[in-house]
Amino acid sequence: MSIVAARIDNRLLHGIVATQWVPQYRPQRVMVVDDEYAGNPTKKAGMKMAKPAGIALSIISEETALANFAAGKYDDHTVFVIAREPSTIRAIQEAGQEIPALVIGGTVTPAEGVEAMQVGRRAYVTPAEAADLQAIAVAGVPITVQYVPADKPEPLSKYISF
C-alpha cells in the first residue's frame, strides 16, 4: 500500500499541511494532484517552497497521478495525497488505489447562489461533491472533517448521510 491518507484542501500544500499534517502521517512523498497547479510553472514553484525537508513532492495532474499509480511508481514508498476536489480522490480510488482515510480540511466558501452545505468551521460541500464523498465512503473509506490535527475529528456522516 502506498497511500497513507488523503486530504481535501483548497490551498493544497501550505503551512498547516506542511508543518502539522505531514508529520501526522509521516509519508515519504506528498502528492498534490491538481491539473491547474501541475500546468502552471509559477504556481508550482511557489508550492515547492512549502515542501517539508526530507519529503519528496509531486505536483501532478490527475491523469499523471492515475498513470503513475497504475504503473506502480509509488508502490515502494508512502504517499500523502492532497487535492482540492473530492472527485480527484474518487478517481484515484476507482483506479484501484486504497485510500485508508480521507480528511476534509479547508474548502472554498461557495459563491453567492451556489448551493453548498457547511461541514465544519472551514469546509463546504456542494451536492456534486457530496455524491463523490458518498461513493468514497460507501467503498469503506472513513471520512472526517478536521482543519488541523489538534481539532477533534468529526465524521462527515454527522453532516451528510450515507
N, C-alpha and C. Protein backbone atom coordinates (compact mmCIF):
# COMPACT_ATOMS: atom_id res chain seq x y z
N MET A 1 0.84 -1.19 0.00
CA MET A 1 0.00 0.00 0.00
C MET A 1 0.88 1.24 0.00
N SER A 2 0.57 2.18 -0.89
CA SER A 2 1.40 3.37 -0.95
C SER A 2 0.73 4.59 -0.32
N ILE A 3 -0.58 4.74 -0.45
CA ILE A 3 -1.25 5.92 0.10
C ILE A 3 -1.51 5.71 1.59
N VAL A 4 -1.04 6.67 2.40
CA VAL A 4 -1.27 6.59 3.84
C VAL A 4 -2.51 7.38 4.25
N ALA A 5 -2.86 8.41 3.46
CA ALA A 5 -4.05 9.21 3.72
C ALA A 5 -4.23 10.18 2.56
N ALA A 6 -5.43 10.78 2.50
CA ALA A 6 -5.71 11.81 1.50
C ALA A 6 -6.39 12.97 2.22
N ARG A 7 -6.24 14.15 1.63
CA ARG A 7 -6.82 15.36 2.22
C ARG A 7 -7.43 16.22 1.12
N ILE A 8 -8.59 16.77 1.42
CA ILE A 8 -9.21 17.77 0.57
C ILE A 8 -8.89 19.12 1.20
N ASP A 9 -8.21 19.99 0.45
CA ASP A 9 -7.81 21.29 0.98
C ASP A 9 -7.68 22.25 -0.20
N ASN A 10 -8.45 23.33 -0.18
CA ASN A 10 -8.42 24.25 -1.31
C ASN A 10 -7.08 24.94 -1.49
N ARG A 11 -6.26 24.99 -0.46
CA ARG A 11 -4.93 25.62 -0.59
C ARG A 11 -3.85 24.58 -0.90
N LEU A 12 -4.24 23.33 -0.99
CA LEU A 12 -3.31 22.24 -1.32
C LEU A 12 -2.18 22.18 -0.31
N LEU A 13 -0.93 22.30 -0.73
CA LEU A 13 0.20 22.23 0.20
C LEU A 13 0.50 23.65 0.70
N HIS A 14 0.32 23.87 1.98
CA HIS A 14 0.58 25.17 2.60
C HIS A 14 1.12 24.92 4.00
N GLY A 15 1.32 25.97 4.77
CA GLY A 15 1.97 25.86 6.07
C GLY A 15 1.37 24.84 7.02
N ILE A 16 0.05 24.84 7.19
CA ILE A 16 -0.59 23.91 8.11
C ILE A 16 -0.38 22.46 7.66
N VAL A 17 -0.52 22.24 6.37
CA VAL A 17 -0.32 20.88 5.86
C VAL A 17 1.13 20.46 6.05
N ALA A 18 2.06 21.35 5.69
CA ALA A 18 3.49 21.01 5.77
C ALA A 18 3.97 20.80 7.19
N THR A 19 3.49 21.62 8.13
CA THR A 19 4.03 21.55 9.49
C THR A 19 3.21 20.68 10.45
N GLN A 20 1.94 20.40 10.10
CA GLN A 20 1.11 19.62 11.02
C GLN A 20 0.61 18.30 10.43
N TRP A 21 0.12 18.32 9.20
CA TRP A 21 -0.42 17.09 8.63
C TRP A 21 0.66 16.14 8.14
N VAL A 22 1.69 16.67 7.51
CA VAL A 22 2.76 15.78 7.04
C VAL A 22 3.40 15.04 8.22
N PRO A 23 3.75 15.71 9.32
CA PRO A 23 4.28 14.96 10.47
C PRO A 23 3.26 13.96 11.05
N GLN A 24 1.98 14.25 10.93
CA GLN A 24 0.94 13.34 11.43
C GLN A 24 0.99 12.00 10.70
N TYR A 25 1.18 12.05 9.38
CA TYR A 25 1.15 10.82 8.57
C TYR A 25 2.53 10.28 8.22
N ARG A 26 3.55 11.10 8.32
CA ARG A 26 4.94 10.73 8.07
C ARG A 26 5.14 10.01 6.72
N PRO A 27 4.65 10.61 5.63
CA PRO A 27 4.84 9.99 4.32
C PRO A 27 6.24 10.26 3.79
N GLN A 28 6.64 9.48 2.83
CA GLN A 28 7.89 9.75 2.13
C GLN A 28 7.66 10.75 1.00
N ARG A 29 6.43 10.83 0.52
CA ARG A 29 6.10 11.73 -0.59
C ARG A 29 4.76 12.41 -0.32
N VAL A 30 4.72 13.71 -0.61
CA VAL A 30 3.47 14.46 -0.64
C VAL A 30 3.11 14.59 -2.12
N MET A 31 1.90 14.19 -2.46
CA MET A 31 1.45 14.26 -3.85
C MET A 31 0.29 15.23 -3.95
N VAL A 32 0.53 16.35 -4.60
CA VAL A 32 -0.52 17.32 -4.88
C VAL A 32 -1.07 16.95 -6.25
N VAL A 33 -2.34 16.61 -6.30
CA VAL A 33 -2.98 16.23 -7.56
C VAL A 33 -3.94 17.34 -7.94
N ASP A 34 -3.52 18.14 -8.93
CA ASP A 34 -4.31 19.30 -9.33
C ASP A 34 -3.88 19.72 -10.73
N ASP A 35 -4.80 19.67 -11.66
CA ASP A 35 -4.48 20.00 -13.05
C ASP A 35 -3.99 21.44 -13.22
N GLU A 36 -4.61 22.38 -12.52
CA GLU A 36 -4.23 23.79 -12.65
C GLU A 36 -2.79 24.01 -12.19
N TYR A 37 -2.45 23.54 -11.00
CA TYR A 37 -1.10 23.75 -10.48
C TYR A 37 -0.06 22.96 -11.28
N ALA A 38 -0.42 21.76 -11.70
CA ALA A 38 0.52 20.95 -12.46
C ALA A 38 0.90 21.63 -13.77
N GLY A 39 -0.02 22.40 -14.34
CA GLY A 39 0.24 23.05 -15.62
C GLY A 39 0.71 24.48 -15.52
N ASN A 40 0.96 24.97 -14.32
CA ASN A 40 1.37 26.36 -14.15
C ASN A 40 2.71 26.42 -13.43
N PRO A 41 3.82 26.67 -14.15
CA PRO A 41 5.15 26.67 -13.54
C PRO A 41 5.30 27.66 -12.37
N THR A 42 4.62 28.80 -12.45
CA THR A 42 4.74 29.80 -11.38
C THR A 42 4.08 29.29 -10.10
N LYS A 43 2.86 28.76 -10.22
CA LYS A 43 2.16 28.23 -9.04
C LYS A 43 2.91 27.03 -8.49
N LYS A 44 3.43 26.22 -9.38
CA LYS A 44 4.18 25.03 -8.96
C LYS A 44 5.41 25.44 -8.15
N ALA A 45 6.14 26.43 -8.64
CA ALA A 45 7.35 26.90 -7.95
C ALA A 45 7.01 27.45 -6.57
N GLY A 46 5.92 28.19 -6.47
CA GLY A 46 5.50 28.72 -5.18
C GLY A 46 5.16 27.62 -4.20
N MET A 47 4.48 26.60 -4.68
CA MET A 47 4.10 25.49 -3.81
C MET A 47 5.32 24.69 -3.36
N LYS A 48 6.32 24.60 -4.20
CA LYS A 48 7.53 23.84 -3.85
C LYS A 48 8.23 24.45 -2.64
N MET A 49 8.03 25.75 -2.41
CA MET A 49 8.66 26.40 -1.26
C MET A 49 8.06 25.92 0.05
N ALA A 50 6.86 25.38 0.02
CA ALA A 50 6.21 24.88 1.24
C ALA A 50 6.59 23.43 1.54
N LYS A 51 7.35 22.80 0.67
CA LYS A 51 7.70 21.38 0.83
C LYS A 51 8.52 21.17 2.10
N PRO A 52 8.09 20.25 2.94
CA PRO A 52 8.87 19.94 4.14
C PRO A 52 10.21 19.29 3.76
N ALA A 53 11.24 19.59 4.52
CA ALA A 53 12.56 19.00 4.27
C ALA A 53 12.49 17.48 4.42
N GLY A 54 13.20 16.80 3.55
CA GLY A 54 13.29 15.35 3.64
C GLY A 54 12.12 14.60 3.07
N ILE A 55 11.18 15.31 2.46
CA ILE A 55 9.98 14.70 1.88
C ILE A 55 10.00 14.96 0.38
N ALA A 56 9.74 13.94 -0.41
CA ALA A 56 9.61 14.13 -1.85
C ALA A 56 8.27 14.80 -2.14
N LEU A 57 8.21 15.56 -3.22
CA LEU A 57 6.99 16.27 -3.59
C LEU A 57 6.69 16.06 -5.06
N SER A 58 5.45 15.71 -5.35
CA SER A 58 4.96 15.64 -6.73
C SER A 58 3.79 16.60 -6.83
N ILE A 59 3.80 17.44 -7.86
CA ILE A 59 2.67 18.31 -8.17
C ILE A 59 2.28 17.92 -9.58
N ILE A 60 1.24 17.10 -9.68
CA ILE A 60 0.92 16.47 -10.96
C ILE A 60 -0.57 16.54 -11.26
N SER A 61 -0.89 16.35 -12.52
CA SER A 61 -2.28 16.33 -12.95
C SER A 61 -2.94 15.03 -12.52
N GLU A 62 -4.26 15.01 -12.55
CA GLU A 62 -4.98 13.79 -12.21
C GLU A 62 -4.60 12.67 -13.18
N GLU A 63 -4.51 12.99 -14.45
CA GLU A 63 -4.15 11.98 -15.45
C GLU A 63 -2.78 11.36 -15.16
N THR A 64 -1.81 12.20 -14.82
CA THR A 64 -0.46 11.70 -14.50
C THR A 64 -0.49 10.86 -13.23
N ALA A 65 -1.25 11.31 -12.24
CA ALA A 65 -1.33 10.55 -10.98
C ALA A 65 -1.90 9.17 -11.24
N LEU A 66 -2.97 9.09 -12.01
CA LEU A 66 -3.58 7.80 -12.30
C LEU A 66 -2.62 6.90 -13.08
N ALA A 67 -1.91 7.47 -14.04
CA ALA A 67 -0.94 6.69 -14.82
C ALA A 67 0.21 6.21 -13.94
N ASN A 68 0.69 7.07 -13.06
CA ASN A 68 1.80 6.70 -12.17
C ASN A 68 1.39 5.61 -11.19
N PHE A 69 0.19 5.72 -10.64
CA PHE A 69 -0.28 4.67 -9.73
C PHE A 69 -0.43 3.36 -10.49
N ALA A 70 -1.01 3.42 -11.69
CA ALA A 70 -1.21 2.21 -12.49
C ALA A 70 0.12 1.54 -12.83
N ALA A 71 1.16 2.35 -13.02
CA ALA A 71 2.48 1.82 -13.36
C ALA A 71 3.25 1.33 -12.13
N GLY A 72 2.67 1.53 -10.93
CA GLY A 72 3.33 1.08 -9.71
C GLY A 72 4.46 1.98 -9.26
N LYS A 73 4.47 3.20 -9.74
CA LYS A 73 5.57 4.13 -9.43
C LYS A 73 5.73 4.40 -7.93
N TYR A 74 4.66 4.32 -7.17
CA TYR A 74 4.71 4.65 -5.74
C TYR A 74 4.58 3.43 -4.84
N ASP A 75 4.68 2.26 -5.39
CA ASP A 75 4.49 1.04 -4.61
C ASP A 75 5.53 0.85 -3.51
N ASP A 76 6.70 1.44 -3.68
CA ASP A 76 7.78 1.20 -2.71
C ASP A 76 7.92 2.30 -1.67
N HIS A 77 6.99 3.25 -1.62
CA HIS A 77 7.05 4.25 -0.56
C HIS A 77 5.66 4.79 -0.23
N THR A 78 5.58 5.56 0.85
CA THR A 78 4.30 6.04 1.34
C THR A 78 3.99 7.43 0.78
N VAL A 79 2.71 7.65 0.51
CA VAL A 79 2.27 8.86 -0.17
C VAL A 79 1.09 9.48 0.59
N PHE A 80 1.15 10.78 0.77
CA PHE A 80 0.04 11.56 1.32
C PHE A 80 -0.51 12.38 0.15
N VAL A 81 -1.75 12.11 -0.25
CA VAL A 81 -2.36 12.75 -1.41
C VAL A 81 -3.18 13.95 -0.97
N ILE A 82 -3.00 15.08 -1.68
CA ILE A 82 -3.76 16.29 -1.40
C ILE A 82 -4.42 16.75 -2.70
N ALA A 83 -5.71 17.05 -2.64
CA ALA A 83 -6.45 17.54 -3.80
C ALA A 83 -7.46 18.58 -3.34
N ARG A 84 -7.94 19.36 -4.29
CA ARG A 84 -8.96 20.35 -3.95
C ARG A 84 -10.37 19.79 -4.05
N GLU A 85 -10.54 18.76 -4.87
CA GLU A 85 -11.87 18.24 -5.17
C GLU A 85 -12.03 16.78 -4.76
N PRO A 86 -13.14 16.42 -4.16
CA PRO A 86 -13.38 15.01 -3.86
C PRO A 86 -13.39 14.13 -5.11
N SER A 87 -13.75 14.69 -6.25
CA SER A 87 -13.76 13.90 -7.49
C SER A 87 -12.37 13.36 -7.82
N THR A 88 -11.33 14.09 -7.46
CA THR A 88 -9.96 13.63 -7.71
C THR A 88 -9.66 12.40 -6.86
N ILE A 89 -10.04 12.45 -5.60
CA ILE A 89 -9.81 11.31 -4.70
C ILE A 89 -10.64 10.12 -5.17
N ARG A 90 -11.86 10.39 -5.60
CA ARG A 90 -12.71 9.31 -6.09
C ARG A 90 -12.09 8.64 -7.33
N ALA A 91 -11.53 9.43 -8.23
CA ALA A 91 -10.90 8.87 -9.43
C ALA A 91 -9.71 7.98 -9.06
N ILE A 92 -8.92 8.42 -8.09
CA ILE A 92 -7.77 7.63 -7.64
C ILE A 92 -8.26 6.32 -7.03
N GLN A 93 -9.29 6.41 -6.21
CA GLN A 93 -9.86 5.21 -5.58
C GLN A 93 -10.44 4.27 -6.63
N GLU A 94 -11.19 4.81 -7.56
CA GLU A 94 -11.81 3.97 -8.59
C GLU A 94 -10.78 3.35 -9.53
N ALA A 95 -9.58 3.92 -9.56
CA ALA A 95 -8.50 3.35 -10.36
C ALA A 95 -7.81 2.20 -9.63
N GLY A 96 -8.29 1.90 -8.42
CA GLY A 96 -7.78 0.74 -7.71
C GLY A 96 -6.85 1.03 -6.55
N GLN A 97 -6.66 2.30 -6.22
CA GLN A 97 -5.80 2.63 -5.10
C GLN A 97 -6.59 2.66 -3.80
N GLU A 98 -6.06 2.04 -2.78
CA GLU A 98 -6.71 2.05 -1.48
C GLU A 98 -6.45 3.39 -0.80
N ILE A 99 -7.51 3.99 -0.30
CA ILE A 99 -7.42 5.25 0.45
C ILE A 99 -7.77 4.88 1.89
N PRO A 100 -6.78 4.81 2.79
CA PRO A 100 -7.08 4.40 4.17
C PRO A 100 -7.92 5.40 4.96
N ALA A 101 -7.79 6.69 4.62
CA ALA A 101 -8.54 7.73 5.33
C ALA A 101 -8.57 8.98 4.47
N LEU A 102 -9.68 9.71 4.56
CA LEU A 102 -9.82 10.98 3.86
C LEU A 102 -10.20 12.04 4.88
N VAL A 103 -9.45 13.14 4.88
CA VAL A 103 -9.71 14.25 5.79
C VAL A 103 -10.12 15.45 4.95
N ILE A 104 -11.23 16.06 5.31
CA ILE A 104 -11.66 17.28 4.66
C ILE A 104 -11.18 18.44 5.52
N GLY A 105 -10.35 19.28 4.93
CA GLY A 105 -9.81 20.44 5.63
C GLY A 105 -10.56 21.69 5.20
N GLY A 106 -9.84 22.69 4.74
CA GLY A 106 -10.46 23.92 4.28
C GLY A 106 -10.90 23.81 2.84
N THR A 107 -12.06 24.38 2.56
CA THR A 107 -12.54 24.44 1.18
C THR A 107 -12.92 25.88 0.88
N VAL A 108 -13.18 26.15 -0.35
CA VAL A 108 -13.57 27.50 -0.75
C VAL A 108 -14.99 27.77 -0.28
N THR A 109 -15.21 28.96 0.26
CA THR A 109 -16.56 29.38 0.63
C THR A 109 -17.35 29.52 -0.67
N PRO A 110 -18.51 28.93 -0.74
CA PRO A 110 -19.26 28.97 -2.00
C PRO A 110 -19.65 30.38 -2.41
N ALA A 111 -19.65 30.62 -3.71
CA ALA A 111 -20.09 31.91 -4.23
C ALA A 111 -21.58 32.06 -3.97
N GLU A 112 -22.01 33.29 -3.96
CA GLU A 112 -23.43 33.54 -3.75
C GLU A 112 -24.24 32.83 -4.82
N GLY A 113 -25.28 32.15 -4.39
CA GLY A 113 -26.14 31.44 -5.31
C GLY A 113 -25.73 30.00 -5.56
N VAL A 114 -24.56 29.60 -5.05
CA VAL A 114 -24.09 28.22 -5.21
C VAL A 114 -24.57 27.43 -4.00
N GLU A 115 -25.26 26.34 -4.26
CA GLU A 115 -25.76 25.51 -3.17
C GLU A 115 -24.61 24.74 -2.55
N ALA A 116 -24.46 24.85 -1.25
CA ALA A 116 -23.41 24.12 -0.53
C ALA A 116 -23.81 24.02 0.94
N MET A 117 -23.36 22.94 1.56
CA MET A 117 -23.62 22.69 2.96
C MET A 117 -22.32 22.89 3.74
N GLN A 118 -22.39 23.59 4.85
CA GLN A 118 -21.20 23.75 5.68
C GLN A 118 -21.00 22.48 6.49
N VAL A 119 -19.78 21.96 6.44
CA VAL A 119 -19.42 20.74 7.17
C VAL A 119 -18.18 21.03 8.01
N GLY A 120 -18.33 21.70 9.08
CA GLY A 120 -17.19 22.11 9.90
C GLY A 120 -16.96 23.60 9.76
N ARG A 121 -16.00 24.09 10.52
CA ARG A 121 -15.75 25.53 10.56
C ARG A 121 -15.31 26.12 9.22
N ARG A 122 -14.50 25.39 8.47
CA ARG A 122 -13.90 25.94 7.26
C ARG A 122 -14.15 25.09 6.02
N ALA A 123 -15.19 24.31 6.02
CA ALA A 123 -15.41 23.41 4.89
C ALA A 123 -16.87 23.43 4.44
N TYR A 124 -17.03 23.41 3.12
CA TYR A 124 -18.34 23.37 2.49
C TYR A 124 -18.35 22.27 1.45
N VAL A 125 -19.52 21.68 1.23
CA VAL A 125 -19.66 20.60 0.27
C VAL A 125 -20.86 20.89 -0.62
N THR A 126 -20.63 20.88 -1.92
CA THR A 126 -21.72 21.06 -2.89
C THR A 126 -22.43 19.71 -3.08
N PRO A 127 -23.60 19.70 -3.68
CA PRO A 127 -24.27 18.42 -3.94
C PRO A 127 -23.42 17.46 -4.79
N ALA A 128 -22.72 17.96 -5.80
CA ALA A 128 -21.86 17.10 -6.63
C ALA A 128 -20.72 16.52 -5.80
N GLU A 129 -20.13 17.34 -4.93
CA GLU A 129 -19.06 16.85 -4.07
C GLU A 129 -19.60 15.83 -3.07
N ALA A 130 -20.81 16.06 -2.58
CA ALA A 130 -21.43 15.11 -1.65
C ALA A 130 -21.60 13.75 -2.31
N ALA A 131 -21.96 13.74 -3.58
CA ALA A 131 -22.11 12.47 -4.30
C ALA A 131 -20.78 11.75 -4.41
N ASP A 132 -19.70 12.50 -4.70
CA ASP A 132 -18.36 11.89 -4.75
C ASP A 132 -17.95 11.35 -3.38
N LEU A 133 -18.20 12.14 -2.35
CA LEU A 133 -17.83 11.71 -1.00
C LEU A 133 -18.63 10.49 -0.57
N GLN A 134 -19.89 10.45 -0.96
CA GLN A 134 -20.72 9.29 -0.63
C GLN A 134 -20.15 8.03 -1.30
N ALA A 135 -19.75 8.15 -2.56
CA ALA A 135 -19.18 6.99 -3.27
C ALA A 135 -17.88 6.54 -2.59
N ILE A 136 -17.08 7.48 -2.14
CA ILE A 136 -15.83 7.14 -1.46
C ILE A 136 -16.14 6.44 -0.14
N ALA A 137 -17.09 6.98 0.61
CA ALA A 137 -17.45 6.41 1.91
C ALA A 137 -18.06 5.02 1.78
N VAL A 138 -18.92 4.84 0.79
CA VAL A 138 -19.57 3.55 0.58
C VAL A 138 -18.53 2.47 0.29
N ALA A 139 -17.42 2.86 -0.30
CA ALA A 139 -16.33 1.92 -0.59
C ALA A 139 -15.52 1.59 0.66
N GLY A 140 -15.90 2.17 1.80
CA GLY A 140 -15.25 1.80 3.06
C GLY A 140 -14.20 2.77 3.57
N VAL A 141 -14.09 3.94 2.97
CA VAL A 141 -13.09 4.91 3.41
C VAL A 141 -13.69 5.77 4.52
N PRO A 142 -13.03 5.82 5.69
CA PRO A 142 -13.50 6.74 6.72
C PRO A 142 -13.20 8.18 6.32
N ILE A 143 -14.22 9.04 6.39
CA ILE A 143 -14.06 10.44 6.02
C ILE A 143 -14.34 11.30 7.24
N THR A 144 -13.38 12.15 7.56
CA THR A 144 -13.55 13.05 8.69
C THR A 144 -13.35 14.49 8.23
N VAL A 145 -13.89 15.41 9.02
CA VAL A 145 -13.69 16.83 8.81
C VAL A 145 -12.78 17.29 9.93
N GLN A 146 -11.64 17.88 9.54
CA GLN A 146 -10.65 18.27 10.55
C GLN A 146 -9.68 19.26 9.91
N TYR A 147 -9.67 20.49 10.37
CA TYR A 147 -8.82 21.51 9.78
C TYR A 147 -7.35 21.31 10.16
N VAL A 148 -7.09 21.16 11.46
CA VAL A 148 -5.73 20.88 11.95
C VAL A 148 -5.79 19.63 12.82
N PRO A 149 -4.67 18.93 12.97
CA PRO A 149 -4.69 17.70 13.78
C PRO A 149 -5.17 17.91 15.22
N ALA A 150 -4.99 19.11 15.77
CA ALA A 150 -5.41 19.38 17.14
C ALA A 150 -6.93 19.47 17.27
N ASP A 151 -7.63 19.72 16.15
CA ASP A 151 -9.10 19.74 16.18
C ASP A 151 -9.63 18.32 16.37
N LYS A 152 -10.75 18.22 17.04
CA LYS A 152 -11.38 16.91 17.17
C LYS A 152 -11.93 16.50 15.80
N PRO A 153 -11.54 15.32 15.31
CA PRO A 153 -12.08 14.89 14.02
C PRO A 153 -13.57 14.59 14.13
N GLU A 154 -14.33 15.10 13.17
CA GLU A 154 -15.76 14.83 13.13
C GLU A 154 -16.06 13.97 11.92
N PRO A 155 -16.81 12.91 12.09
CA PRO A 155 -17.16 12.10 10.91
C PRO A 155 -18.03 12.92 9.97
N LEU A 156 -17.74 12.82 8.68
CA LEU A 156 -18.55 13.55 7.70
C LEU A 156 -20.02 13.14 7.79
N SER A 157 -20.27 11.92 8.23
CA SER A 157 -21.64 11.43 8.36
C SER A 157 -22.46 12.25 9.37
N LYS A 158 -21.81 13.06 10.17
CA LYS A 158 -22.51 13.97 11.08
C LYS A 158 -23.28 15.03 10.27
N TYR A 159 -22.76 15.33 9.08
CA TYR A 159 -23.34 16.38 8.24
C TYR A 159 -24.09 15.84 7.02
N ILE A 160 -23.59 14.72 6.49
CA ILE A 160 -24.16 14.14 5.27
C ILE A 160 -24.45 12.67 5.54
N SER A 161 -25.66 12.23 5.24
CA SER A 161 -25.95 10.80 5.46
C SER A 161 -25.51 9.98 4.26
N PHE A 162 -24.99 8.81 4.58
CA PHE A 162 -24.52 7.90 3.53
C PHE A 162 -25.37 6.66 3.52
